[in-house]
């Protein structure tokens, strides 16, 4: 179920919302953040199976009998957690802008 603020929202007003500066700013900030992070994640994630399948680079010992492949695999968990924490902090800004879009539309609808 949608929040009360969104229940009264008319779908015909979507084009009005899309054309507002606040909405454009929200979408631009999300795109500037999500696109590079997604590319980074995919490159980092797929580099492990590619490097282990086609090269011997990660088969070298790093610490004792632990190879770079194990360190790289463990680093993927750390990278995923770090990206989640970074996104959580940035999402607060996205939420603020989304609330401003809703408030602006509510203010416009009431006048």
Protein backbone atom coordinates (compact mmCIF):
# COMPACT_ATOMS: atom_id res chain seq x y z
CA UNK A 1 0.00 0.00 0.00
CA UNK A 2 1.25 3.46 -0.86
CA UNK A 3 1.89 6.10 1.81
CA UNK A 4 -0.94 8.62 2.30
CA UNK A 5 1.01 11.31 0.46
CA UNK A 6 1.20 9.13 -2.63
CA UNK A 7 -2.33 7.70 -2.51
CA UNK A 8 -3.82 10.98 -3.67
CA UNK A 9 -1.28 11.45 -6.43
CA UNK A 10 -2.85 11.50 -9.86
CA UNK A 11 -1.03 9.64 -12.62
CA UNK A 12 -1.85 12.40 -15.09
CA UNK A 13 0.42 14.73 -13.11
CA UNK A 14 3.45 12.55 -13.77
CA UNK A 15 4.62 14.71 -16.67
CA UNK A 16 4.42 17.77 -14.42
CA UNK A 17 6.59 16.09 -11.81
CA UNK A 18 9.16 14.91 -14.36
CA UNK A 19 9.63 18.44 -15.66
CA UNK A 20 10.35 20.02 -12.25
CA UNK A 21 13.89 21.09 -11.45
CA UNK A 22 13.89 19.16 -8.17
CA UNK A 23 12.97 15.90 -9.89
CA UNK A 24 15.57 16.48 -12.60
CA UNK A 25 18.18 17.13 -9.90
CA UNK A 26 17.17 13.95 -8.07
CA UNK A 27 17.47 11.82 -11.18
CA UNK A 28 20.78 13.42 -12.20
CA UNK A 29 22.33 12.82 -8.76
CA UNK A 30 21.13 9.23 -8.68
CA UNK A 31 22.50 8.61 -12.17
CA UNK A 32 25.87 10.20 -11.32
CA UNK A 33 26.16 7.92 -8.31
CA UNK A 34 24.55 4.63 -9.35
CA UNK A 35 26.05 4.27 -12.83
CA UNK A 36 29.75 4.47 -11.82
CA UNK A 37 29.16 2.30 -8.75
CA UNK A 38 27.41 -0.35 -10.84
CA UNK A 39 30.21 -0.39 -13.41
CA UNK A 40 32.82 -0.64 -10.64
CA UNK A 41 30.93 -3.46 -8.91
CA UNK A 42 30.50 -5.48 -12.11
CA UNK A 43 34.14 -5.07 -13.14
CA UNK A 44 35.37 -6.02 -9.68
CA UNK A 45 32.96 -8.94 -9.39
CA UNK A 46 33.62 -10.50 -12.81
CA UNK A 47 37.37 -9.96 -12.72
CA UNK A 48 37.85 -12.83 -10.21
CA UNK A 49 36.40 -15.62 -12.39
CA UNK A 50 38.02 -14.16 -15.50
CA UNK A 51 41.46 -13.83 -13.90
CA UNK A 52 41.32 -17.29 -12.34
CA UNK A 53 40.08 -18.97 -15.52
CA UNK A 54 42.38 -17.36 -18.08
CA UNK A 55 45.52 -16.28 -16.17
CA UNK A 56 47.82 -17.45 -13.40
CA UNK A 57 48.11 -13.99 -11.83
CA UNK A 58 46.01 -14.82 -8.75
CA UNK A 59 47.66 -18.21 -8.20
CA UNK A 60 50.77 -16.63 -6.67
CA UNK A 61 51.22 -16.95 -2.92
CA UNK A 62 50.44 -13.74 -1.07
CA UNK A 63 50.77 -14.67 2.61
CA UNK A 64 52.15 -18.12 3.34
CA UNK A 65 50.05 -20.64 1.43
CA UNK A 66 47.20 -18.17 0.86
CA UNK A 67 47.00 -17.13 -2.78
CA UNK A 68 45.87 -13.82 -4.21
CA UNK A 69 42.68 -15.52 -5.43
CA UNK A 70 41.55 -16.06 -1.83
CA UNK A 71 42.40 -12.49 -0.89
CA UNK A 72 40.57 -11.18 -3.96
CA UNK A 73 37.52 -13.33 -3.15
CA UNK A 74 37.45 -12.05 0.43
CA UNK A 75 37.87 -8.47 -0.85
CA UNK A 76 34.65 -8.89 -2.82
CA UNK A 77 32.72 -9.31 0.43
CA UNK A 78 34.35 -6.21 1.87
CA UNK A 79 33.67 -4.28 -1.36
CA UNK A 80 30.00 -5.29 -1.31
CA UNK A 81 29.55 -4.19 2.30
CA UNK A 82 31.38 -0.93 1.63
CA UNK A 83 29.22 -0.15 -1.40
CA UNK A 84 26.09 -0.87 0.65
CA UNK A 85 27.22 1.52 3.38
CA UNK A 86 28.12 4.21 0.85
CA UNK A 87 24.76 3.82 -0.89
CA UNK A 88 22.89 3.98 2.43
CA UNK A 89 24.55 7.31 3.22
CA UNK A 90 23.86 8.70 -0.25
CA UNK A 91 20.27 7.44 -0.20
CA UNK A 92 19.53 9.91 2.59
CA UNK A 93 20.19 12.72 0.11
CA UNK A 94 18.02 11.01 -2.50
CA UNK A 95 15.23 10.67 0.06
CA UNK A 96 15.49 14.36 0.94
CA UNK A 97 15.12 15.33 -2.70
CA UNK A 98 12.22 12.90 -3.19
CA UNK A 99 10.44 14.39 -0.18
CA UNK A 100 11.01 17.86 -1.61
CA UNK A 101 9.46 16.76 -4.92
CA UNK A 102 6.42 15.40 -3.08
CA UNK A 103 6.13 18.51 -0.91
CA UNK A 104 6.37 20.79 -3.94
CA UNK A 105 3.65 18.82 -5.73
CA UNK A 106 1.42 18.79 -2.64
CA UNK A 107 1.90 22.55 -2.24
CA UNK A 108 1.06 23.10 -5.90
CA UNK A 109 -2.01 20.84 -5.69
CA UNK A 110 -3.37 22.65 -2.64
CA UNK A 111 -3.07 26.10 -4.22
